[in-house]
Amino acid sequence: LYQQSNPTTNVSFFRFMFSWTVSGITAPTPATVKVTAIDKL
């Protein structure tokens, strides 16, 4: 339903903030929010 990725400039600590305006939902929909961290390796 939504995805976004941001570069983190090779830091060891990062505070993330994403926002998506919910759209296209016509009935109650169970959803999963997945956050992924990828290191420089």
PDB file of all heavy atoms in Angstrom:
ATOM      1  N   LEU A   1       0.822  -1.205   0.000  1.00  0.00           N
ATOM      2  CA  LEU A   1       0.000   0.000   0.000  1.00  0.00           C
ATOM      3  C   LEU A   1       0.861   1.263   0.000  1.00  0.00           C
ATOM      4  O   LEU A   1       0.456   2.304  -0.500  1.00  0.00           O
ATOM      5  CB  LEU A   1      -0.925  -0.006   1.215  1.00  0.00           C
ATOM      6  CG  LEU A   1      -1.838  -1.233   1.342  1.00  0.00           C
ATOM      7  CD1 LEU A   1      -2.527  -1.254   2.692  1.00  0.00           C
ATOM      8  CD2 LEU A   1      -2.839  -1.259   0.203  1.00  0.00           C
ATOM      9  N   TYR A   2       2.049   1.166   0.592  1.00  0.00           N
ATOM     10  CA  TYR A   2       2.952   2.315   0.689  1.00  0.00           C
ATOM     11  C   TYR A   2       4.355   1.793   0.944  1.00  0.00           C
ATOM     12  O   TYR A   2       4.539   0.823   1.682  1.00  0.00           O
ATOM     13  CB  TYR A   2       2.515   3.227   1.839  1.00  0.00           C
ATOM     14  CG  TYR A   2       3.476   4.347   2.135  1.00  0.00           C
ATOM     15  CD1 TYR A   2       3.531   5.487   1.342  1.00  0.00           C
ATOM     16  CD2 TYR A   2       4.342   4.274   3.232  1.00  0.00           C
ATOM     17  CE1 TYR A   2       4.413   6.523   1.618  1.00  0.00           C
ATOM     18  CE2 TYR A   2       5.225   5.306   3.512  1.00  0.00           C
ATOM     19  CZ  TYR A   2       5.253   6.424   2.706  1.00  0.00           C
ATOM     20  OH  TYR A   2       6.132   7.443   2.971  1.00  0.00           O
ATOM     21  N   GLN A   3       5.340   2.452   0.351  1.00  0.00           N
ATOM     22  CA  GLN A   3       6.736   2.145   0.678  1.00  0.00           C
ATOM     23  C   GLN A   3       7.594   3.375   0.443  1.00  0.00           C
ATOM     24  O   GLN A   3       7.286   4.203  -0.416  1.00  0.00           O
ATOM     25  CB  GLN A   3       7.254   0.953  -0.112  1.00  0.00           C
ATOM     26  CG  GLN A   3       7.300   1.124  -1.604  1.00  0.00           C
ATOM     27  CD  GLN A   3       7.751  -0.161  -2.291  1.00  0.00           C
ATOM     28  OE1 GLN A   3       8.112  -1.138  -1.651  1.00  0.00           O
ATOM     29  NE2 GLN A   3       7.726  -0.147  -3.607  1.00  0.00           N
ATOM     30  N   GLN A   4       8.649   3.477   1.235  1.00  0.00           N
ATOM     31  CA  GLN A   4       9.584   4.583   1.105  1.00  0.00           C
ATOM     32  C   GLN A   4      10.910   4.149   1.701  1.00  0.00           C
ATOM     33  O   GLN A   4      10.948   3.376   2.663  1.00  0.00           O
ATOM     34  CB  GLN A   4       9.057   5.820   1.843  1.00  0.00           C
ATOM     35  CG  GLN A   4       9.945   7.029   1.694  1.00  0.00           C
ATOM     36  CD  GLN A   4       9.405   8.255   2.432  1.00  0.00           C
ATOM     37  OE1 GLN A   4       8.254   8.296   2.851  1.00  0.00           O
ATOM     38  NE2 GLN A   4      10.243   9.263   2.609  1.00  0.00           N
ATOM     39  N   SER A   5      12.012   4.649   1.146  1.00  0.00           N
ATOM     40  CA  SER A   5      13.325   4.401   1.733  1.00  0.00           C
ATOM     41  C   SER A   5      14.103   5.710   1.745  1.00  0.00           C
ATOM     42  O   SER A   5      13.941   6.552   0.865  1.00  0.00           O
ATOM     43  CB  SER A   5      14.081   3.306   0.984  1.00  0.00           C
ATOM     44  OG  SER A   5      14.363   3.705  -0.322  1.00  0.00           O
ATOM     45  N   ASN A   6      14.914   5.862   2.779  1.00  0.00           N
ATOM     46  CA  ASN A   6      15.738   7.059   2.943  1.00  0.00           C
ATOM     47  C   ASN A   6      17.174   6.655   3.215  1.00  0.00           C
ATOM     48  O   ASN A   6      17.414   5.757   4.032  1.00  0.00           O
ATOM     49  CB  ASN A   6      15.248   7.904   4.130  1.00  0.00           C
ATOM     50  CG  ASN A   6      13.911   8.541   3.883  1.00  0.00           C
ATOM     51  OD1 ASN A   6      13.494   8.715   2.753  1.00  0.00           O
ATOM     52  ND2 ASN A   6      13.224   8.891   4.957  1.00  0.00           N
ATOM     53  N   PRO A   7      18.148   7.336   2.588  1.00  0.00           N
ATOM     54  CA  PRO A   7      19.545   7.095   2.951  1.00  0.00           C
ATOM     55  C   PRO A   7      19.800   7.632   4.361  1.00  0.00           C
ATOM     56  O   PRO A   7      19.166   8.603   4.785  1.00  0.00           O
ATOM     57  CB  PRO A   7      20.329   7.890   1.899  1.00  0.00           C
ATOM     58  CG  PRO A   7      19.377   8.917   1.393  1.00  0.00           C
ATOM     59  CD  PRO A   7      18.001   8.347   1.550  1.00  0.00           C
ATOM     60  N   THR A   8      20.703   6.994   5.082  1.00  0.00           N
ATOM     61  CA  THR A   8      20.963   7.391   6.467  1.00  0.00           C
ATOM     62  C   THR A   8      22.383   7.922   6.675  1.00  0.00           C
ATOM     63  O   THR A   8      22.766   8.178   7.804  1.00  0.00           O
ATOM     64  CB  THR A   8      20.720   6.211   7.420  1.00  0.00           C
ATOM     65  OG1 THR A   8      21.552   5.134   7.010  1.00  0.00           O
ATOM     66  CG2 THR A   8      19.272   5.789   7.410  1.00  0.00           C
ATOM     67  N   THR A   9      23.145   8.064   5.620  1.00  0.00           N
ATOM     68  CA  THR A   9      24.498   8.654   5.627  1.00  0.00           C
ATOM     69  C   THR A   9      25.489   7.983   6.574  1.00  0.00           C
ATOM     70  O   THR A   9      26.293   8.638   7.210  1.00  0.00           O
ATOM     71  CB  THR A   9      24.457  10.172   5.902  1.00  0.00           C
ATOM     72  OG1 THR A   9      23.947  10.415   7.218  1.00  0.00           O
ATOM     73  CG2 THR A   9      23.614  10.912   4.882  1.00  0.00           C
ATOM     74  N   ASN A  10      25.432   6.655   6.664  1.00  0.00           N
ATOM     75  CA  ASN A  10      26.453   5.876   7.369  1.00  0.00           C
ATOM     76  C   ASN A  10      26.595   6.228   8.855  1.00  0.00           C
ATOM     77  O   ASN A  10      27.687   6.266   9.383  1.00  0.00           O
ATOM     78  CB  ASN A  10      27.795   6.021   6.643  1.00  0.00           C
ATOM     79  CG  ASN A  10      28.751   4.912   7.013  1.00  0.00           C
ATOM     80  OD1 ASN A  10      28.338   3.819   7.350  1.00  0.00           O
ATOM     81  ND2 ASN A  10      30.034   5.201   6.953  1.00  0.00           N
ATOM     82  N   VAL A  11      25.489   6.476   9.521  1.00  0.00           N
ATOM     83  CA  VAL A  11      25.511   6.759  10.957  1.00  0.00           C
ATOM     84  C   VAL A  11      25.207   5.477  11.728  1.00  0.00           C
ATOM     85  O   VAL A  11      24.660   4.529  11.182  1.00  0.00           O
ATOM     86  CB  VAL A  11      24.485   7.861  11.326  1.00  0.00           C
ATOM     87  CG1 VAL A  11      24.859   9.184  10.701  1.00  0.00           C
ATOM     88  CG2 VAL A  11      23.076   7.456  10.922  1.00  0.00           C
ATOM     89  N   SER A  12      25.549   5.425  13.005  1.00  0.00           N
ATOM     90  CA  SER A  12      25.236   4.231  13.795  1.00  0.00           C
ATOM     91  C   SER A  12      23.874   4.341  14.483  1.00  0.00           C
ATOM     92  O   SER A  12      23.334   3.343  14.939  1.00  0.00           O
ATOM     93  CB  SER A  12      26.331   3.961  14.825  1.00  0.00           C
ATOM     94  OG  SER A  12      26.452   5.057  15.703  1.00  0.00           O
ATOM     95  N   PHE A  13      23.314   5.554  14.550  1.00  0.00           N
ATOM     96  CA  PHE A  13      21.997   5.778  15.160  1.00  0.00           C
ATOM     97  C   PHE A  13      21.188   6.654  14.207  1.00  0.00           C
ATOM     98  O   PHE A  13      21.694   7.657  13.705  1.00  0.00           O
ATOM     99  CB  PHE A  13      22.140   6.484  16.513  1.00  0.00           C
ATOM    100  CG  PHE A  13      20.818   6.884  17.122  1.00  0.00           C
ATOM    101  CD1 PHE A  13      20.104   5.991  17.899  1.00  0.00           C
ATOM    102  CD2 PHE A  13      20.289   8.146  16.903  1.00  0.00           C
ATOM    103  CE1 PHE A  13      18.882   6.362  18.464  1.00  0.00           C
ATOM    104  CE2 PHE A  13      19.071   8.524  17.463  1.00  0.00           C
ATOM    105  CZ  PHE A  13      18.370   7.617  18.239  1.00  0.00           C
ATOM    106  N   PHE A  14      19.918   6.264  13.985  1.00  0.00           N
ATOM    107  CA  PHE A  14      19.065   7.039  13.088  1.00  0.00           C
ATOM    108  C   PHE A  14      17.650   7.041  13.622  1.00  0.00           C
ATOM    109  O   PHE A  14      17.109   6.000  13.960  1.00  0.00           O
ATOM    110  CB  PHE A  14      19.083   6.432  11.674  1.00  0.00           C
ATOM    111  CG  PHE A  14      18.313   7.223  10.660  1.00  0.00           C
ATOM    112  CD1 PHE A  14      18.806   8.405  10.143  1.00  0.00           C
ATOM    113  CD2 PHE A  14      17.075   6.775  10.214  1.00  0.00           C
ATOM    114  CE1 PHE A  14      18.098   9.135   9.198  1.00  0.00           C
ATOM    115  CE2 PHE A  14      16.358   7.491   9.266  1.00  0.00           C
ATOM    116  CZ  PHE A  14      16.875   8.679   8.766  1.00  0.00           C
ATOM    117  N   ARG A  15      17.059   8.224  13.727  1.00  0.00           N
ATOM    118  CA  ARG A  15      15.650   8.357  14.127  1.00  0.00           C
ATOM    119  C   ARG A  15      14.850   8.517  12.845  1.00  0.00           C
ATOM    120  O   ARG A  15      15.118   9.411  12.062  1.00  0.00           O
ATOM    121  CB  ARG A  15      15.473   9.567  15.020  1.00  0.00           C
ATOM    122  CG  ARG A  15      14.033   9.768  15.453  1.00  0.00           C
ATOM    123  CD  ARG A  15      13.884  10.810  16.521  1.00  0.00           C
ATOM    124  NE  ARG A  15      13.735  10.361  17.876  1.00  0.00           N
ATOM    125  CZ  ARG A  15      12.918   9.423  18.330  1.00  0.00           C
ATOM    126  NH1 ARG A  15      12.198   8.729  17.518  1.00  0.00           N
ATOM    127  NH2 ARG A  15      12.828   9.140  19.591  1.00  0.00           N
ATOM    128  N   PHE A  16      13.873   7.599  12.643  1.00  0.00           N
ATOM    129  CA  PHE A  16      13.085   7.651  11.404  1.00  0.00           C
ATOM    130  C   PHE A  16      11.685   8.185  11.667  1.00  0.00           C
ATOM    131  O   PHE A  16      11.136   8.023  12.755  1.00  0.00           O
ATOM    132  CB  PHE A  16      13.025   6.280  10.715  1.00  0.00           C
ATOM    133  CG  PHE A  16      12.466   5.172  11.559  1.00  0.00           C
ATOM    134  CD1 PHE A  16      11.100   4.943  11.627  1.00  0.00           C
ATOM    135  CD2 PHE A  16      13.307   4.343  12.285  1.00  0.00           C
ATOM    136  CE1 PHE A  16      10.582   3.913  12.395  1.00  0.00           C
ATOM    137  CE2 PHE A  16      12.806   3.312  13.056  1.00  0.00           C
ATOM    138  CZ  PHE A  16      11.431   3.100  13.115  1.00  0.00           C
ATOM    139  N   MET A  17      11.154   8.859  10.645  1.00  0.00           N
ATOM    140  CA  MET A  17       9.793   9.386  10.671  1.00  0.00           C
ATOM    141  C   MET A  17       9.243   9.304   9.250  1.00  0.00           C
ATOM    142  O   MET A  17       9.760   9.968   8.356  1.00  0.00           O
ATOM    143  CB  MET A  17       9.776  10.837  11.156  1.00  0.00           C
ATOM    144  CG  MET A  17      10.124  10.974  12.616  1.00  0.00           C
ATOM    145  SD  MET A  17      10.166  12.684  13.163  1.00  0.00           S
ATOM    146  CE  MET A  17      11.879  13.075  12.859  1.00  0.00           C
ATOM    147  N   PHE A  18       8.254   8.454   9.054  1.00  0.00           N
ATOM    148  CA  PHE A  18       7.574   8.309   7.775  1.00  0.00           C
ATOM    149  C   PHE A  18       6.106   8.654   7.987  1.00  0.00           C
ATOM    150  O   PHE A  18       5.585   8.485   9.088  1.00  0.00           O
ATOM    151  CB  PHE A  18       7.664   6.871   7.247  1.00  0.00           C
ATOM    152  CG  PHE A  18       9.064   6.382   6.987  1.00  0.00           C
ATOM    153  CD1 PHE A  18       9.715   5.569   7.905  1.00  0.00           C
ATOM    154  CD2 PHE A  18       9.719   6.716   5.813  1.00  0.00           C
ATOM    155  CE1 PHE A  18      10.989   5.104   7.660  1.00  0.00           C
ATOM    156  CE2 PHE A  18      11.003   6.257   5.560  1.00  0.00           C
ATOM    157  CZ  PHE A  18      11.632   5.449   6.478  1.00  0.00           C
ATOM    158  N   SER A  19       5.425   9.119   6.948  1.00  0.00           N
ATOM    159  CA  SER A  19       4.003   9.406   7.060  1.00  0.00           C
ATOM    160  C   SER A  19       3.330   9.083   5.735  1.00  0.00           C
ATOM    161  O   SER A  19       3.827   9.446   4.665  1.00  0.00           O
ATOM    162  CB  SER A  19       3.780  10.878   7.413  1.00  0.00           C
ATOM    163  OG  SER A  19       2.398  11.124   7.600  1.00  0.00           O
ATOM    164  N   TRP A  20       2.201   8.374   5.817  1.00  0.00           N
ATOM    165  CA  TRP A  20       1.411   8.028   4.640  1.00  0.00           C
ATOM    166  C   TRP A  20      -0.039   8.364   4.934  1.00  0.00           C
ATOM    167  O   TRP A  20      -0.575   7.995   5.983  1.00  0.00           O
ATOM    168  CB  TRP A  20       1.545   6.532   4.341  1.00  0.00           C
ATOM    169  CG  TRP A  20       0.603   6.007   3.304  1.00  0.00           C
ATOM    170  CD1 TRP A  20       0.504   6.426   2.009  1.00  0.00           C
ATOM    171  CD2 TRP A  20      -0.364   4.974   3.461  1.00  0.00           C
ATOM    172  NE1 TRP A  20      -0.462   5.704   1.338  1.00  0.00           N
ATOM    173  CE2 TRP A  20      -1.014   4.799   2.222  1.00  0.00           C
ATOM    174  CE3 TRP A  20      -0.745   4.159   4.526  1.00  0.00           C
ATOM    175  CZ2 TRP A  20      -2.022   3.867   2.015  1.00  0.00           C
ATOM    176  CZ3 TRP A  20      -1.739   3.233   4.321  1.00  0.00           C
ATOM    177  CH2 TRP A  20      -2.372   3.083   3.077  1.00  0.00           C
ATOM    178  N   THR A  21      -0.680   9.082   4.035  1.00  0.00           N
ATOM    179  CA  THR A  21      -2.106   9.356   4.181  1.00  0.00           C
ATOM    180  C   THR A  21      -2.862   8.138   3.668  1.00  0.00           C
ATOM    181  O   THR A  21      -2.755   7.781   2.486  1.00  0.00           O
ATOM    182  CB  THR A  21      -2.514  10.617   3.392  1.00  0.00           C
ATOM    183  OG1 THR A  21      -1.769  11.720   3.909  1.00  0.00           O
ATOM    184  CG2 THR A  21      -4.001  10.899   3.552  1.00  0.00           C
ATOM    185  N   VAL A  22      -3.570   7.477   4.562  1.00  0.00           N
ATOM    186  CA  VAL A  22      -4.301   6.247   4.231  1.00  0.00           C
ATOM    187  C   VAL A  22      -5.281   6.553   3.100  1.00  0.00           C
ATOM    188  O   VAL A  22      -6.036   7.523   3.165  1.00  0.00           O
ATOM    189  CB  VAL A  22      -5.030   5.696   5.469  1.00  0.00           C
ATOM    190  CG1 VAL A  22      -5.831   4.451   5.120  1.00  0.00           C
ATOM    191  CG2 VAL A  22      -4.042   5.416   6.590  1.00  0.00           C
ATOM    192  N   SER A  23      -5.241   5.728   2.062  1.00  0.00           N
ATOM    193  CA  SER A  23      -6.144   5.932   0.921  1.00  0.00           C
ATOM    194  C   SER A  23      -6.463   4.598   0.264  1.00  0.00           C
ATOM    195  O   SER A  23      -5.709   3.627   0.395  1.00  0.00           O
ATOM    196  CB  SER A  23      -5.512   6.881  -0.102  1.00  0.00           C
ATOM    197  OG  SER A  23      -4.317   6.319  -0.609  1.00  0.00           O
ATOM    198  N   GLY A  24      -7.611   4.559  -0.427  1.00  0.00           N
ATOM    199  CA  GLY A  24      -7.988   3.377  -1.184  1.00  0.00           C
ATOM    200  C   GLY A  24      -8.574   2.244  -0.365  1.00  0.00           C
ATOM    201  O   GLY A  24      -8.737   1.137  -0.862  1.00  0.00           O
ATOM    202  N   ILE A  25      -8.907   2.497   0.878  1.00  0.00           N
ATOM    203  CA  ILE A  25      -9.447   1.449   1.745  1.00  0.00           C
ATOM    204  C   ILE A  25     -10.971   1.482   1.654  1.00  0.00           C
ATOM    205  O   ILE A  25     -11.595   2.512   1.891  1.00  0.00           O
ATOM    206  CB  ILE A  25      -8.983   1.651   3.201  1.00  0.00           C
ATOM    207  CG1 ILE A  25      -7.455   1.712   3.280  1.00  0.00           C
ATOM    208  CG2 ILE A  25      -9.542   0.567   4.117  1.00  0.00           C
ATOM    209  CD1 ILE A  25      -6.728   0.516   2.732  1.00  0.00           C
ATOM    210  N   THR A  26     -11.570   0.356   1.287  1.00  0.00           N
ATOM    211  CA  THR A  26     -13.035   0.291   1.130  1.00  0.00           C
ATOM    212  C   THR A  26     -13.706  -0.570   2.188  1.00  0.00           C
ATOM    213  O   THR A  26     -14.930  -0.559   2.306  1.00  0.00           O
ATOM    214  CB  THR A  26     -13.400  -0.249  -0.267  1.00  0.00           C
ATOM    215  OG1 THR A  26     -12.810  -1.543  -0.416  1.00  0.00           O
ATOM    216  CG2 THR A  26     -12.895   0.681  -1.361  1.00  0.00           C
ATOM    217  N   ALA A  27     -12.926  -1.325   2.931  1.00  0.00           N
ATOM    218  CA  ALA A  27     -13.442  -2.194   3.987  1.00  0.00           C
ATOM    219  C   ALA A  27     -12.345  -2.336   5.040  1.00  0.00           C
ATOM    220  O   ALA A  27     -11.165  -2.066   4.759  1.00  0.00           O
ATOM    221  CB  ALA A  27     -13.802  -3.562   3.411  1.00  0.00           C
ATOM    222  N   PRO A  28     -12.683  -2.746   6.259  1.00  0.00           N
ATOM    223  CA  PRO A  28     -11.636  -2.961   7.265  1.00  0.00           C
ATOM    224  C   PRO A  28     -10.536  -3.878   6.708  1.00  0.00           C
ATOM    225  O   PRO A  28     -10.829  -4.949   6.165  1.00  0.00           O
ATOM    226  CB  PRO A  28     -12.380  -3.611   8.425  1.00  0.00           C
ATOM    227  CG  PRO A  28     -13.791  -3.121   8.277  1.00  0.00           C
ATOM    228  CD  PRO A  28     -14.017  -3.027   6.788  1.00  0.00           C
ATOM    229  N   THR A  29      -9.298  -3.414   6.810  1.00  0.00           N
ATOM    230  CA  THR A  29      -8.166  -4.109   6.195  1.00  0.00           C
ATOM    231  C   THR A  29      -7.051  -4.295   7.212  1.00  0.00           C
ATOM    232  O   THR A  29      -6.471  -3.311   7.682  1.00  0.00           O
ATOM    233  CB  THR A  29      -7.631  -3.294   4.999  1.00  0.00           C
ATOM    234  OG1 THR A  29      -8.710  -3.063   4.083  1.00  0.00           O
ATOM    235  CG2 THR A  29      -6.501  -4.000   4.294  1.00  0.00           C
ATOM    236  N   PRO A  30      -6.718  -5.534   7.552  1.00  0.00           N
ATOM    237  CA  PRO A  30      -5.544  -5.754   8.402  1.00  0.00           C
ATOM    238  C   PRO A  30      -4.286  -5.458   7.580  1.00  0.00           C
ATOM    239  O   PRO A  30      -4.189  -5.857   6.417  1.00  0.00           O
ATOM    240  CB  PRO A  30      -5.625  -7.229   8.792  1.00  0.00           C
ATOM    241  CG  PRO A  30      -6.543  -7.860   7.794  1.00  0.00           C
ATOM    242  CD  PRO A  30      -7.394  -6.779   7.212  1.00  0.00           C
ATOM    243  N   ALA A  31      -3.357  -4.731   8.178  1.00  0.00           N
ATOM    244  CA  ALA A  31      -2.134  -4.354   7.475  1.00  0.00           C
ATOM    245  C   ALA A  31      -0.927  -4.552   8.383  1.00  0.00           C
ATOM    246  O   ALA A  31      -1.049  -4.580   9.607  1.00  0.00           O
ATOM    247  CB  ALA A  31      -2.218  -2.898   7.015  1.00  0.00           C
ATOM    248  N   THR A  32       0.232  -4.678   7.754  1.00  0.00           N
ATOM    249  CA  THR A  32       1.494  -4.803   8.479  1.00  0.00           C
ATOM    250  C   THR A  32       2.390  -3.636   8.110  1.00  0.00           C
ATOM    251  O   THR A  32       2.592  -3.356   6.927  1.00  0.00           O
ATOM    252  CB  THR A  32       2.203  -6.132   8.134  1.00  0.00           C
ATOM    253  OG1 THR A  32       1.357  -7.217   8.505  1.00  0.00           O
ATOM    254  CG2 THR A  32       3.520  -6.257   8.864  1.00  0.00           C
ATOM    255  N   VAL A  33       2.921  -2.974   9.129  1.00  0.00           N
ATOM    256  CA  VAL A  33       3.917  -1.921   8.944  1.00  0.00           C
ATOM    257  C   VAL A  33       5.274  -2.568   9.203  1.00  0.00           C
ATOM    258  O   VAL A  33       5.519  -3.086  10.299  1.00  0.00           O
ATOM    259  CB  VAL A  33       3.690  -0.757   9.924  1.00  0.00           C
ATOM    260  CG1 VAL A  33       4.790   0.284   9.785  1.00  0.00           C
ATOM    261  CG2 VAL A  33       2.314  -0.140   9.713  1.00  0.00           C
ATOM    262  N   LYS A  34       6.130  -2.560   8.199  1.00  0.00           N
ATOM    263  CA  LYS A  34       7.451  -3.193   8.311  1.00  0.00           C
ATOM    264  C   LYS A  34       8.526  -2.131   8.126  1.00  0.00           C
ATOM    265  O   LYS A  34       8.553  -1.436   7.110  1.00  0.00           O
ATOM    266  CB  LYS A  34       7.604  -4.278   7.243  1.00  0.00           C
ATOM    267  CG  LYS A  34       8.946  -4.973   7.250  1.00  0.00           C
ATOM    268  CD  LYS A  34       8.999  -6.037   6.160  1.00  0.00           C
ATOM    269  CE  LYS A  34      10.321  -6.753   6.099  1.00  0.00           C
ATOM    270  NZ  LYS A  34      10.341  -7.748   5.019  1.00  0.00           N
ATOM    271  N   VAL A  35       9.416  -2.017   9.116  1.00  0.00           N
ATOM    272  CA  VAL A  35      10.551  -1.102   9.042  1.00  0.00           C
ATOM    273  C   VAL A  35      11.812  -1.950   8.898  1.00  0.00           C
ATOM    274  O   VAL A  35      12.011  -2.917   9.639  1.00  0.00           O
ATOM    275  CB  VAL A  35      10.640  -0.207  10.293  1.00  0.00           C
ATOM    276  CG1 VAL A  35      11.894   0.657  10.260  1.00  0.00           C
ATOM    277  CG2 VAL A  35       9.391   0.656  10.410  1.00  0.00           C
ATOM    278  N   THR A  36      12.658  -1.593   7.930  1.00  0.00           N
ATOM    279  CA  THR A  36      13.887  -2.338   7.664  1.00  0.00           C
ATOM    280  C   THR A  36      15.084  -1.410   7.780  1.00  0.00           C
ATOM    281  O   THR A  36      15.056  -0.283   7.267  1.00  0.00           O
ATOM    282  CB  THR A  36      13.862  -2.947   6.252  1.00  0.00           C
ATOM    283  OG1 THR A  36      12.697  -3.775   6.122  1.00  0.00           O
ATOM    284  CG2 THR A  36      15.099  -3.788   5.985  1.00  0.00           C
ATOM    285  N   ALA A  37      16.126  -1.874   8.449  1.00  0.00           N
ATOM    286  CA  ALA A  37      17.406  -1.165   8.527  1.00  0.00           C
ATOM    287  C   ALA A  37      18.424  -1.951   7.709  1.00  0.00           C
ATOM    288  O   ALA A  37      18.553  -3.163   7.882  1.00  0.00           O
ATOM    289  CB  ALA A  37      17.873  -1.058   9.973  1.00  0.00           C
ATOM    290  N   ILE A  38      19.131  -1.261   6.825  1.00  0.00           N
ATOM    291  CA  ILE A  38      20.174  -1.884   6.008  1.00  0.00           C
ATOM    292  C   ILE A  38      21.489  -1.183   6.333  1.00  0.00           C
ATOM    293  O   ILE A  38      21.579   0.040   6.242  1.00  0.00           O
ATOM    294  CB  ILE A  38      19.858  -1.760   4.504  1.00  0.00           C
ATOM    295  CG1 ILE A  38      18.481  -2.350   4.212  1.00  0.00           C
ATOM    296  CG2 ILE A  38      20.945  -2.441   3.672  1.00  0.00           C
ATOM    297  CD1 ILE A  38      17.965  -2.062   2.819  1.00  0.00           C
ATOM    298  N   ASP A  39      22.504  -1.971   6.740  1.00  0.00           N
ATOM    299  CA  ASP A  39      23.777  -1.344   7.079  1.00  0.00           C
ATOM    300  C   ASP A  39      24.682  -1.254   5.854  1.00  0.00           C
ATOM    301  O   ASP A  39      24.336  -1.722   4.771  1.00  0.00           O
ATOM    302  CB  ASP A  39      24.454  -2.043   8.264  1.00  0.00           C
ATOM    303  CG  ASP A  39      25.004  -3.433   7.964  1.00  0.00           C
ATOM    304  OD1 ASP A  39      25.160  -3.793   6.781  1.00  0.00           O
ATOM    305  OD2 ASP A  39      25.285  -4.172   8.929  1.00  0.00           O
ATOM    306  N   LYS A  40      25.846  -0.635   6.020  1.00  0.00           N
ATOM    307  CA  LYS A  40      26.740  -0.407   4.880  1.00  0.00           C
ATOM    308  C   LYS A  40      27.334  -1.701   4.328  1.00  0.00           C
ATOM    309  O   LYS A  40      27.882  -1.709   3.238  1.00  0.00           O
ATOM    310  CB  LYS A  40      27.838   0.585   5.249  1.00  0.00           C
ATOM    311  CG  LYS A  40      28.837   0.064   6.249  1.00  0.00           C
ATOM    312  CD  LYS A  40      29.894   1.086   6.557  1.00  0.00           C
ATOM    313  CE  LYS A  40      30.908   0.508   7.533  1.00  0.00           C
ATOM    314  NZ  LYS A  40      31.949   1.457   7.835  1.00  0.00           N
ATOM    315  N   LEU A  41      27.193  -2.815   5.055  1.00  0.00           N
ATOM    316  CA  LEU A  41      27.655  -4.119   4.570  1.00  0.00           C
ATOM    317  C   LEU A  41      26.515  -4.902   3.914  1.00  0.00           C
ATOM    318  O   LEU A  41      26.652  -6.074   3.617  1.00  0.00           O
ATOM    319  CB  LEU A  41      28.252  -4.932   5.719  1.00  0.00           C
ATOM    320  CG  LEU A  41      29.426  -4.284   6.457  1.00  0.00           C
ATOM    321  CD1 LEU A  41      29.837  -5.120   7.653  1.00  0.00           C
ATOM    322  CD2 LEU A  41      30.592  -4.052   5.511  1.00  0.00           C
TER     323      LEU A  41
END
